[in-house]
All heavy atoms as atom14 arrays in JSON, in Angstrom:
{
  "sequence": "SGSIFRIYAMGWYRQAPGKQRELVARISSGGSTNYADSVKGRFTI",
  "atom14_mask": [
    [1, 1, 1, 1, 1, 1, 0, 0, 0, 0, 0, 0, 0, 0],
    [1, 1, 1, 1, 0, 0, 0, 0, 0, 0, 0, 0, 0, 0],
    [1, 1, 1, 1, 1, 1, 0, 0, 0, 0, 0, 0, 0, 0],
    [1, 1, 1, 1, 1, 1, 1, 1, 0, 0, 0, 0, 0, 0],
    [1, 1, 1, 1, 1, 1, 1, 1, 1, 1, 1, 0, 0, 0],
    [1, 1, 1, 1, 1, 1, 1, 1, 1, 1, 1, 0, 0, 0],
    [1, 1, 1, 1, 1, 1, 1, 1, 0, 0, 0, 0, 0, 0],
    [1, 1, 1, 1, 1, 1, 1, 1, 1, 1, 1, 1, 0, 0],
    [1, 1, 1, 1, 1, 0, 0, 0, 0, 0, 0, 0, 0, 0],
    [1, 1, 1, 1, 1, 1, 1, 1, 0, 0, 0, 0, 0, 0],
    [1, 1, 1, 1, 0, 0, 0, 0, 0, 0, 0, 0, 0, 0],
    [1, 1, 1, 1, 1, 1, 1, 1, 1, 1, 1, 1, 1, 1],
    [1, 1, 1, 1, 1, 1, 1, 1, 1, 1, 1, 1, 0, 0],
    [1, 1, 1, 1, 1, 1, 1, 1, 1, 1, 1, 0, 0, 0],
    [1, 1, 1, 1, 1, 1, 1, 1, 1, 0, 0, 0, 0, 0],
    [1, 1, 1, 1, 1, 0, 0, 0, 0, 0, 0, 0, 0, 0],
    [1, 1, 1, 1, 1, 1, 1, 0, 0, 0, 0, 0, 0, 0],
    [1, 1, 1, 1, 0, 0, 0, 0, 0, 0, 0, 0, 0, 0],
    [1, 1, 1, 1, 1, 1, 1, 1, 1, 0, 0, 0, 0, 0],
    [1, 1, 1, 1, 1, 1, 1, 1, 1, 0, 0, 0, 0, 0],
    [1, 1, 1, 1, 1, 1, 1, 1, 1, 1, 1, 0, 0, 0],
    [1, 1, 1, 1, 1, 1, 1, 1, 1, 0, 0, 0, 0, 0],
    [1, 1, 1, 1, 1, 1, 1, 1, 0, 0, 0, 0, 0, 0],
    [1, 1, 1, 1, 1, 1, 1, 0, 0, 0, 0, 0, 0, 0],
    [1, 1, 1, 1, 1, 0, 0, 0, 0, 0, 0, 0, 0, 0],
    [1, 1, 1, 1, 1, 1, 1, 1, 1, 1, 1, 0, 0, 0],
    [1, 1, 1, 1, 1, 1, 1, 1, 0, 0, 0, 0, 0, 0],
    [1, 1, 1, 1, 1, 1, 0, 0, 0, 0, 0, 0, 0, 0],
    [1, 1, 1, 1, 1, 1, 0, 0, 0, 0, 0, 0, 0, 0],
    [1, 1, 1, 1, 0, 0, 0, 0, 0, 0, 0, 0, 0, 0],
    [1, 1, 1, 1, 0, 0, 0, 0, 0, 0, 0, 0, 0, 0],
    [1, 1, 1, 1, 1, 1, 0, 0, 0, 0, 0, 0, 0, 0],
    [1, 1, 1, 1, 1, 1, 1, 0, 0, 0, 0, 0, 0, 0],
    [1, 1, 1, 1, 1, 1, 1, 1, 0, 0, 0, 0, 0, 0],
    [1, 1, 1, 1, 1, 1, 1, 1, 1, 1, 1, 1, 0, 0],
    [1, 1, 1, 1, 1, 0, 0, 0, 0, 0, 0, 0, 0, 0],
    [1, 1, 1, 1, 1, 1, 1, 1, 0, 0, 0, 0, 0, 0],
    [1, 1, 1, 1, 1, 1, 0, 0, 0, 0, 0, 0, 0, 0],
    [1, 1, 1, 1, 1, 1, 1, 0, 0, 0, 0, 0, 0, 0],
    [1, 1, 1, 1, 1, 1, 1, 1, 1, 0, 0, 0, 0, 0],
    [1, 1, 1, 1, 0, 0, 0, 0, 0, 0, 0, 0, 0, 0],
    [1, 1, 1, 1, 1, 1, 1, 1, 1, 1, 1, 0, 0, 0],
    [1, 1, 1, 1, 1, 1, 1, 1, 1, 1, 1, 0, 0, 0],
    [1, 1, 1, 1, 1, 1, 1, 0, 0, 0, 0, 0, 0, 0],
    [1, 1, 1, 1, 1, 1, 1, 1, 0, 0, 0, 0, 0, 0]
  ],
  "atom14_positions": [
    [[-127.33, 289.28, -30.86], [-126.72, 288.94, -32.14], [-126.7, 287.43, -32.28], [-126.78, 286.7, -31.28], [-125.29, 289.5, -32.25], [-124.47, 288.96, -31.23], [0.0, 0.0, 0.0], [0.0, 0.0, 0.0], [0.0, 0.0, 0.0], [0.0, 0.0, 0.0], [0.0, 0.0, 0.0], [0.0, 0.0, 0.0], [0.0, 0.0, 0.0], [0.0, 0.0, 0.0]],
    [[-126.61, 286.98, -33.52], [-126.47, 285.55, -33.75], [-127.77, 284.77, -33.77], [-127.75, 283.54, -33.76], [0.0, 0.0, 0.0], [0.0, 0.0, 0.0], [0.0, 0.0, 0.0], [0.0, 0.0, 0.0], [0.0, 0.0, 0.0], [0.0, 0.0, 0.0], [0.0, 0.0, 0.0], [0.0, 0.0, 0.0], [0.0, 0.0, 0.0], [0.0, 0.0, 0.0]],
    [[-128.91, 285.47, -33.8], [-130.19, 284.76, -33.86], [-131.2, 285.61, -34.63], [-130.96, 286.79, -34.89], [-130.73, 284.47, -32.46], [-131.06, 285.69, -31.81], [0.0, 0.0, 0.0], [0.0, 0.0, 0.0], [0.0, 0.0, 0.0], [0.0, 0.0, 0.0], [0.0, 0.0, 0.0], [0.0, 0.0, 0.0], [0.0, 0.0, 0.0], [0.0, 0.0, 0.0]],
    [[-132.31, 284.98, -34.99], [-133.39, 285.73, -35.63], [-134.2, 286.36, -34.5], [-135.17, 285.78, -34.0], [-134.25, 284.81, -36.5], [-133.36, 284.05, -37.5], [-135.31, 285.62, -37.25], [-134.1, 283.0, -38.31], [0.0, 0.0, 0.0], [0.0, 0.0, 0.0], [0.0, 0.0, 0.0], [0.0, 0.0, 0.0], [0.0, 0.0, 0.0], [0.0, 0.0, 0.0]],
    [[-133.79, 287.56, -34.12], [-134.28, 288.2, -32.89], [-135.8, 288.28, -32.85], [-136.42, 288.01, -31.83], [-133.66, 289.59, -32.8], [-134.11, 290.39, -31.61], [-133.56, 290.17, -30.36], [-135.07, 291.39, -31.75], [-133.97, 290.92, -29.26], [-135.48, 292.14, -30.67], [-134.93, 291.9, -29.42], [0.0, 0.0, 0.0], [0.0, 0.0, 0.0], [0.0, 0.0, 0.0]],
    [[-136.42, 288.64, -33.97], [-137.83, 289.0, -33.94], [-138.76, 287.83, -33.6], [-139.91, 288.04, -33.2], [-138.26, 289.59, -35.28], [-138.27, 288.59, -36.43], [-138.66, 289.24, -37.74], [-138.79, 288.26, -38.81], [-137.76, 287.78, -39.49], [-136.54, 288.19, -39.21], [-137.96, 286.89, -40.46], [0.0, 0.0, 0.0], [0.0, 0.0, 0.0], [0.0, 0.0, 0.0]],
    [[-138.28, 286.6, -33.74], [-139.19, 285.47, -33.54], [-139.23, 284.98, -32.1], [-140.04, 284.1, -31.77], [-138.83, 284.28, -34.47], [-137.5, 283.63, -34.06], [-138.81, 284.73, -35.92], [-137.2, 282.38, -34.86], [0.0, 0.0, 0.0], [0.0, 0.0, 0.0], [0.0, 0.0, 0.0], [0.0, 0.0, 0.0], [0.0, 0.0, 0.0], [0.0, 0.0, 0.0]],
    [[-138.38, 285.55, -31.23], [-138.3, 285.06, -29.86], [-138.86, 286.06, -28.86], [-138.64, 287.27, -28.99], [-136.86, 284.73, -29.48], [-136.26, 283.62, -30.29], [-135.27, 283.86, -31.22], [-136.71, 282.31, -30.12], [-134.73, 282.84, -31.99], [-136.17, 281.27, -30.88], [-135.19, 281.55, -31.8], [-134.65, 280.53, -32.55], [0.0, 0.0, 0.0], [0.0, 0.0, 0.0]],
    [[-139.54, 285.52, -27.85], [-139.87, 286.34, -26.7], [-138.58, 286.68, -25.96], [-137.6, 285.92, -25.99], [-140.83, 285.6, -25.78], [0.0, 0.0, 0.0], [0.0, 0.0, 0.0], [0.0, 0.0, 0.0], [0.0, 0.0, 0.0], [0.0, 0.0, 0.0], [0.0, 0.0, 0.0], [0.0, 0.0, 0.0], [0.0, 0.0, 0.0], [0.0, 0.0, 0.0]],
    [[-138.61, 287.81, -25.31], [-137.45, 288.27, -24.53], [-137.91, 288.62, -23.13], [-139.03, 289.12, -22.93], [-136.82, 289.5, -25.18], [-136.27, 289.27, -26.58], [-134.85, 288.16, -26.63], [-133.64, 289.09, -25.68], [0.0, 0.0, 0.0], [0.0, 0.0, 0.0], [0.0, 0.0, 0.0], [0.0, 0.0, 0.0], [0.0, 0.0, 0.0], [0.0, 0.0, 0.0]],
    [[-137.05, 288.39, -22.17], [-137.39, 288.69, -20.79], [-136.27, 289.42, -20.07], [-135.09, 289.29, -20.44], [0.0, 0.0, 0.0], [0.0, 0.0, 0.0], [0.0, 0.0, 0.0], [0.0, 0.0, 0.0], [0.0, 0.0, 0.0], [0.0, 0.0, 0.0], [0.0, 0.0, 0.0], [0.0, 0.0, 0.0], [0.0, 0.0, 0.0], [0.0, 0.0, 0.0]],
    [[-136.65, 290.2, -19.1], [-135.71, 290.8, -18.14], [-135.93, 290.12, -16.79], [-137.07, 290.02, -16.33], [-135.92, 292.3, -18.0], [-135.37, 293.11, -19.13], [-136.06, 293.64, -20.19], [-134.0, 293.5, -19.32], [-135.2, 294.32, -21.02], [-133.93, 294.25, -20.5], [-132.83, 293.29, -18.59], [-132.74, 294.79, -20.98], [-131.64, 293.82, -19.06], [-131.6, 294.57, -20.25]],
    [[-134.85, 289.69, -16.2], [-134.87, 289.06, -14.89], [-133.91, 289.82, -13.99], [-133.05, 290.56, -14.48], [-134.42, 287.59, -15.01], [-135.39, 286.69, -15.72], [-135.57, 286.78, -17.09], [-136.13, 285.74, -15.02], [-136.47, 285.97, -17.76], [-137.03, 284.91, -15.67], [-137.19, 285.03, -17.04], [-138.1, 284.21, -17.69], [0.0, 0.0, 0.0], [0.0, 0.0, 0.0]],
    [[-134.05, 289.6, -12.69], [-133.1, 290.22, -11.77], [-132.8, 289.26, -10.61], [-133.62, 288.4, -10.28], [-133.63, 291.55, -11.23], [-134.85, 291.45, -10.34], [-135.36, 292.84, -10.0], [-136.54, 292.8, -9.13], [-137.26, 293.87, -8.81], [-136.93, 295.08, -9.29], [-138.31, 293.74, -8.02], [0.0, 0.0, 0.0], [0.0, 0.0, 0.0], [0.0, 0.0, 0.0]],
    [[-131.63, 289.46, -10.05], [-131.22, 288.65, -8.91], [-130.53, 289.54, -7.9], [-129.48, 290.14, -8.2], [-130.3, 287.51, -9.35], [-129.99, 286.53, -8.25], [-129.36, 285.24, -8.76], [-128.84, 285.19, -9.86], [-129.43, 284.19, -7.96], [0.0, 0.0, 0.0], [0.0, 0.0, 0.0], [0.0, 0.0, 0.0], [0.0, 0.0, 0.0], [0.0, 0.0, 0.0]],
    [[-131.13, 289.64, -6.73], [-130.55, 290.39, -5.63], [-129.7, 289.44, -4.79], [-129.92, 288.22, -4.8], [-131.66, 291.01, -4.79], [0.0, 0.0, 0.0], [0.0, 0.0, 0.0], [0.0, 0.0, 0.0], [0.0, 0.0, 0.0], [0.0, 0.0, 0.0], [0.0, 0.0, 0.0], [0.0, 0.0, 0.0], [0.0, 0.0, 0.0], [0.0, 0.0, 0.0]],
    [[-128.74, 289.97, -4.04], [-127.89, 289.11, -3.21], [-128.71, 288.24, -2.27], [-129.61, 288.72, -1.58], [-127.04, 290.12, -2.43], [-127.01, 291.33, -3.29], [-128.35, 291.38, -3.96], [0.0, 0.0, 0.0], [0.0, 0.0, 0.0], [0.0, 0.0, 0.0], [0.0, 0.0, 0.0], [0.0, 0.0, 0.0], [0.0, 0.0, 0.0], [0.0, 0.0, 0.0]],
    [[-128.41, 286.95, -2.28], [-129.1, 286.03, -1.38], [-130.49, 285.63, -1.81], [-131.19, 284.93, -1.07], [0.0, 0.0, 0.0], [0.0, 0.0, 0.0], [0.0, 0.0, 0.0], [0.0, 0.0, 0.0], [0.0, 0.0, 0.0], [0.0, 0.0, 0.0], [0.0, 0.0, 0.0], [0.0, 0.0, 0.0], [0.0, 0.0, 0.0], [0.0, 0.0, 0.0]],
    [[-130.9, 286.08, -2.99], [-132.26, 285.78, -3.46], [-132.19, 285.04, -4.79], [-131.2, 285.07, -5.5], [-133.08, 287.06, -3.6], [-133.34, 287.77, -2.29], [-134.34, 288.9, -2.48], [-134.68, 289.54, -1.15], [-135.69, 290.64, -1.31], [0.0, 0.0, 0.0], [0.0, 0.0, 0.0], [0.0, 0.0, 0.0], [0.0, 0.0, 0.0], [0.0, 0.0, 0.0]],
    [[-133.31, 284.39, -5.12], [-133.39, 283.7, -6.4], [-133.62, 284.7, -7.53], [-134.18, 285.78, -7.33], [-134.55, 282.7, -6.36], [-134.29, 281.48, -5.5], [-135.34, 280.4, -5.68], [-136.5, 280.69, -5.97], [-134.94, 279.15, -5.51], [0.0, 0.0, 0.0], [0.0, 0.0, 0.0], [0.0, 0.0, 0.0], [0.0, 0.0, 0.0], [0.0, 0.0, 0.0]],
    [[-133.2, 284.3, -8.71], [-133.47, 285.12, -9.88], [-134.97, 285.12, -10.16], [-135.63, 284.08, -10.07], [-132.71, 284.56, -11.1], [-132.67, 285.47, -12.29], [-131.74, 284.94, -13.38], [-130.36, 284.88, -12.92], [-129.33, 284.61, -13.73], [-129.54, 284.38, -15.02], [-128.11, 284.56, -13.25], [0.0, 0.0, 0.0], [0.0, 0.0, 0.0], [0.0, 0.0, 0.0]],
    [[-135.5, 286.31, -10.48], [-136.93, 286.42, -10.68], [-137.23, 287.18, -11.97], [-136.47, 288.05, -12.39], [-137.58, 287.17, -9.5], [-137.11, 288.6, -9.31], [-137.85, 289.34, -8.21], [-138.74, 288.75, -7.57], [-137.51, 290.52, -7.99], [0.0, 0.0, 0.0], [0.0, 0.0, 0.0], [0.0, 0.0, 0.0], [0.0, 0.0, 0.0], [0.0, 0.0, 0.0]],
    [[-138.39, 286.84, -12.54], [-138.84, 287.53, -13.74], [-139.28, 288.94, -13.39], [-140.05, 289.15, -12.45], [-139.99, 286.77, -14.39], [-140.66, 287.45, -15.57], [-139.73, 287.52, -16.77], [-141.95, 286.73, -15.94], [0.0, 0.0, 0.0], [0.0, 0.0, 0.0], [0.0, 0.0, 0.0], [0.0, 0.0, 0.0], [0.0, 0.0, 0.0], [0.0, 0.0, 0.0]],
    [[-138.82, 289.91, -14.16], [-139.25, 291.3, -13.99], [-140.3, 291.67, -15.04], [-141.35, 292.19, -14.73], [-138.04, 292.25, -14.12], [-138.49, 293.71, -14.07], [-137.02, 291.96, -13.03], [0.0, 0.0, 0.0], [0.0, 0.0, 0.0], [0.0, 0.0, 0.0], [0.0, 0.0, 0.0], [0.0, 0.0, 0.0], [0.0, 0.0, 0.0], [0.0, 0.0, 0.0]],
    [[-139.97, 291.37, -16.3], [-140.88, 291.71, -17.4], [-140.56, 290.83, -18.59], [-139.42, 290.38, -18.76], [-140.73, 293.18, -17.79], [0.0, 0.0, 0.0], [0.0, 0.0, 0.0], [0.0, 0.0, 0.0], [0.0, 0.0, 0.0], [0.0, 0.0, 0.0], [0.0, 0.0, 0.0], [0.0, 0.0, 0.0], [0.0, 0.0, 0.0], [0.0, 0.0, 0.0]],
    [[-141.57, 290.64, -19.42], [-141.42, 289.77, -20.58], [-142.18, 290.39, -21.74], [-143.25, 291.0, -21.55], [-141.97, 288.39, -20.27], [-141.84, 287.37, -21.39], [-142.47, 286.05, -20.97], [-142.36, 285.01, -21.99], [-143.21, 284.88, -23.01], [-144.24, 285.69, -23.13], [-143.02, 283.89, -23.88], [0.0, 0.0, 0.0], [0.0, 0.0, 0.0], [0.0, 0.0, 0.0]],
    [[-141.63, 290.24, -22.94], [-142.31, 290.72, -24.14], [-142.28, 289.61, -25.18], [-141.22, 289.03, -25.45], [-141.69, 292.04, -24.66], [-142.51, 292.59, -25.83], [-140.22, 291.88, -25.02], [-142.17, 294.05, -26.14], [0.0, 0.0, 0.0], [0.0, 0.0, 0.0], [0.0, 0.0, 0.0], [0.0, 0.0, 0.0], [0.0, 0.0, 0.0], [0.0, 0.0, 0.0]],
    [[-143.44, 289.32, -25.74], [-143.53, 288.26, -26.74], [-143.01, 288.74, -28.09], [-142.73, 289.94, -28.28], [-144.98, 287.8, -26.87], [-145.74, 288.8, -27.53], [0.0, 0.0, 0.0], [0.0, 0.0, 0.0], [0.0, 0.0, 0.0], [0.0, 0.0, 0.0], [0.0, 0.0, 0.0], [0.0, 0.0, 0.0], [0.0, 0.0, 0.0], [0.0, 0.0, 0.0]],
    [[-142.91, 287.82, -29.02], [-142.48, 288.2, -30.37], [-143.48, 289.17, -31.0], [-143.1, 290.0, -31.82], [-142.32, 286.96, -31.25], [-143.53, 286.23, -31.31], [0.0, 0.0, 0.0], [0.0, 0.0, 0.0], [0.0, 0.0, 0.0], [0.0, 0.0, 0.0], [0.0, 0.0, 0.0], [0.0, 0.0, 0.0], [0.0, 0.0, 0.0], [0.0, 0.0, 0.0]],
    [[-144.74, 289.09, -30.58], [-145.76, 289.97, -31.12], [-145.94, 291.26, -30.36], [-146.75, 292.1, -30.75], [0.0, 0.0, 0.0], [0.0, 0.0, 0.0], [0.0, 0.0, 0.0], [0.0, 0.0, 0.0], [0.0, 0.0, 0.0], [0.0, 0.0, 0.0], [0.0, 0.0, 0.0], [0.0, 0.0, 0.0], [0.0, 0.0, 0.0], [0.0, 0.0, 0.0]],
    [[-145.18, 291.41, -29.27], [-145.23, 292.66, -28.51], [-146.09, 292.64, -27.26], [-146.19, 293.66, -26.57], [0.0, 0.0, 0.0], [0.0, 0.0, 0.0], [0.0, 0.0, 0.0], [0.0, 0.0, 0.0], [0.0, 0.0, 0.0], [0.0, 0.0, 0.0], [0.0, 0.0, 0.0], [0.0, 0.0, 0.0], [0.0, 0.0, 0.0], [0.0, 0.0, 0.0]],
    [[-146.7, 291.51, -26.94], [-147.47, 291.42, -25.7], [-146.51, 291.42, -24.51], [-145.44, 290.82, -24.58], [-148.31, 290.15, -25.69], [-149.24, 290.15, -26.75], [0.0, 0.0, 0.0], [0.0, 0.0, 0.0], [0.0, 0.0, 0.0], [0.0, 0.0, 0.0], [0.0, 0.0, 0.0], [0.0, 0.0, 0.0], [0.0, 0.0, 0.0], [0.0, 0.0, 0.0]],
    [[-146.94, 292.09, -23.45], [-146.05, 292.24, -22.29], [-146.71, 291.73, -21.02], [-147.94, 291.7, -20.9], [-145.67, 293.71, -22.08], [-146.86, 294.49, -21.89], [-144.92, 294.26, -23.29], [0.0, 0.0, 0.0], [0.0, 0.0, 0.0], [0.0, 0.0, 0.0], [0.0, 0.0, 0.0], [0.0, 0.0, 0.0], [0.0, 0.0, 0.0], [0.0, 0.0, 0.0]],
    [[-145.88, 291.32, -20.08], [-146.34, 291.05, -18.73], [-145.25, 291.42, -17.75], [-144.06, 291.44, -18.1], [-146.82, 289.61, -18.56], [-145.77, 288.58, -18.84], [-145.5, 288.26, -19.98], [-145.16, 288.05, -17.8], [0.0, 0.0, 0.0], [0.0, 0.0, 0.0], [0.0, 0.0, 0.0], [0.0, 0.0, 0.0], [0.0, 0.0, 0.0], [0.0, 0.0, 0.0]],
    [[-145.67, 291.76, -16.53], [-144.76, 292.31, -15.53], [-144.96, 291.64, -14.18], [-146.06, 291.21, -13.84], [-145.03, 293.81, -15.36], [-144.78, 294.62, -16.59], [-145.8, 294.86, -17.51], [-143.52, 295.16, -16.85], [-145.58, 295.6, -18.66], [-143.28, 295.91, -17.99], [-144.32, 296.12, -18.89], [-144.09, 296.86, -20.03], [0.0, 0.0, 0.0], [0.0, 0.0, 0.0]],
    [[-143.89, 291.62, -13.41], [-144.02, 291.25, -12.01], [-144.86, 292.3, -11.3], [-144.79, 293.49, -11.62], [-142.64, 291.14, -11.37], [0.0, 0.0, 0.0], [0.0, 0.0, 0.0], [0.0, 0.0, 0.0], [0.0, 0.0, 0.0], [0.0, 0.0, 0.0], [0.0, 0.0, 0.0], [0.0, 0.0, 0.0], [0.0, 0.0, 0.0], [0.0, 0.0, 0.0]],
    [[-145.63, 291.86, -10.31], [-146.48, 292.82, -9.59], [-145.67, 293.94, -8.97], [-146.14, 295.09, -8.9], [-147.26, 292.08, -8.5], [-148.37, 291.2, -9.06], [-148.75, 291.38, -10.24], [-148.85, 290.33, -8.3], [0.0, 0.0, 0.0], [0.0, 0.0, 0.0], [0.0, 0.0, 0.0], [0.0, 0.0, 0.0], [0.0, 0.0, 0.0], [0.0, 0.0, 0.0]],
    [[-144.46, 293.64, -8.55], [-143.64, 294.62, -7.84], [-143.18, 295.78, -8.74], [-142.75, 296.81, -8.22], [-142.42, 293.94, -7.23], [-141.64, 293.31, -8.24], [0.0, 0.0, 0.0], [0.0, 0.0, 0.0], [0.0, 0.0, 0.0], [0.0, 0.0, 0.0], [0.0, 0.0, 0.0], [0.0, 0.0, 0.0], [0.0, 0.0, 0.0], [0.0, 0.0, 0.0]],
    [[-143.27, 295.61, -10.05], [-142.78, 296.67, -10.96], [-143.88, 297.25, -11.85], [-143.62, 298.19, -12.6], [-141.61, 296.16, -11.84], [-140.51, 295.56, -10.97], [-142.08, 295.18, -12.89], [0.0, 0.0, 0.0], [0.0, 0.0, 0.0], [0.0, 0.0, 0.0], [0.0, 0.0, 0.0], [0.0, 0.0, 0.0], [0.0, 0.0, 0.0], [0.0, 0.0, 0.0]],
    [[-145.07, 296.7, -11.76], [-146.18, 297.2, -12.6], [-146.4, 298.68, -12.37], [-146.44, 299.15, -11.23], [-147.46, 296.42, -12.29], [-147.54, 295.08, -12.97], [-148.86, 294.38, -12.62], [-148.9, 292.99, -13.25], [-150.12, 292.25, -12.87], [0.0, 0.0, 0.0], [0.0, 0.0, 0.0], [0.0, 0.0, 0.0], [0.0, 0.0, 0.0], [0.0, 0.0, 0.0]],
    [[-146.54, 299.41, -13.47], [-146.76, 300.84, -13.39], [-145.49, 301.66, -13.26], [-145.53, 302.89, -13.38], [0.0, 0.0, 0.0], [0.0, 0.0, 0.0], [0.0, 0.0, 0.0], [0.0, 0.0, 0.0], [0.0, 0.0, 0.0], [0.0, 0.0, 0.0], [0.0, 0.0, 0.0], [0.0, 0.0, 0.0], [0.0, 0.0, 0.0], [0.0, 0.0, 0.0]],
    [[-144.36, 301.0, -13.03], [-143.07, 301.71, -12.91], [-142.11, 301.34, -14.02], [-141.32, 302.18, -14.46], [-142.42, 301.39, -11.56], [-143.25, 301.78, -10.36], [-142.45, 301.63, -9.06], [-142.04, 300.26, -8.8], [-140.78, 299.86, -8.63], [-139.79, 300.74, -8.71], [-140.51, 298.58, -8.38], [0.0, 0.0, 0.0], [0.0, 0.0, 0.0], [0.0, 0.0, 0.0]],
    [[-142.13, 300.1, -14.46], [-141.2, 299.6, -15.48], [-141.96, 299.35, -16.78], [-143.13, 298.96, -16.77], [-140.56, 298.29, -15.05], [-139.58, 298.4, -13.92], [-139.45, 299.54, -13.15], [-138.78, 297.3, -13.59], [-138.55, 299.61, -12.1], [-137.87, 297.35, -12.55], [-137.76, 298.51, -11.81], [0.0, 0.0, 0.0], [0.0, 0.0, 0.0], [0.0, 0.0, 0.0]],
    [[-141.26, 299.56, -17.9], [-141.83, 299.29, -19.22], [-140.82, 298.54, -20.07], [-139.69, 299.01, -20.23], [-142.23, 300.59, -19.94], [-143.16, 301.32, -19.13], [-142.87, 300.28, -21.28], [0.0, 0.0, 0.0], [0.0, 0.0, 0.0], [0.0, 0.0, 0.0], [0.0, 0.0, 0.0], [0.0, 0.0, 0.0], [0.0, 0.0, 0.0], [0.0, 0.0, 0.0]],
    [[-141.23, 297.4, -20.59], [-140.38, 296.64, -21.5], [-140.81, 296.94, -22.93], [-142.01, 297.09, -23.22], [-140.46, 295.12, -21.19], [-139.42, 294.35, -22.01], [-141.86, 294.57, -21.42], [-139.28, 292.89, -21.6], [0.0, 0.0, 0.0], [0.0, 0.0, 0.0], [0.0, 0.0, 0.0], [0.0, 0.0, 0.0], [0.0, 0.0, 0.0], [0.0, 0.0, 0.0]]
  ]
}
């Protein structure tokens, strides 16, 4: 809320205990996607 949602790329990140935050998946404003190798084929953004 509070923004023009459709114009921004959005990402999902995760952080496990003792580890750095990492990119899981990203989707562009146009719908293009990319995934971390560890989740390819299992996760869908």
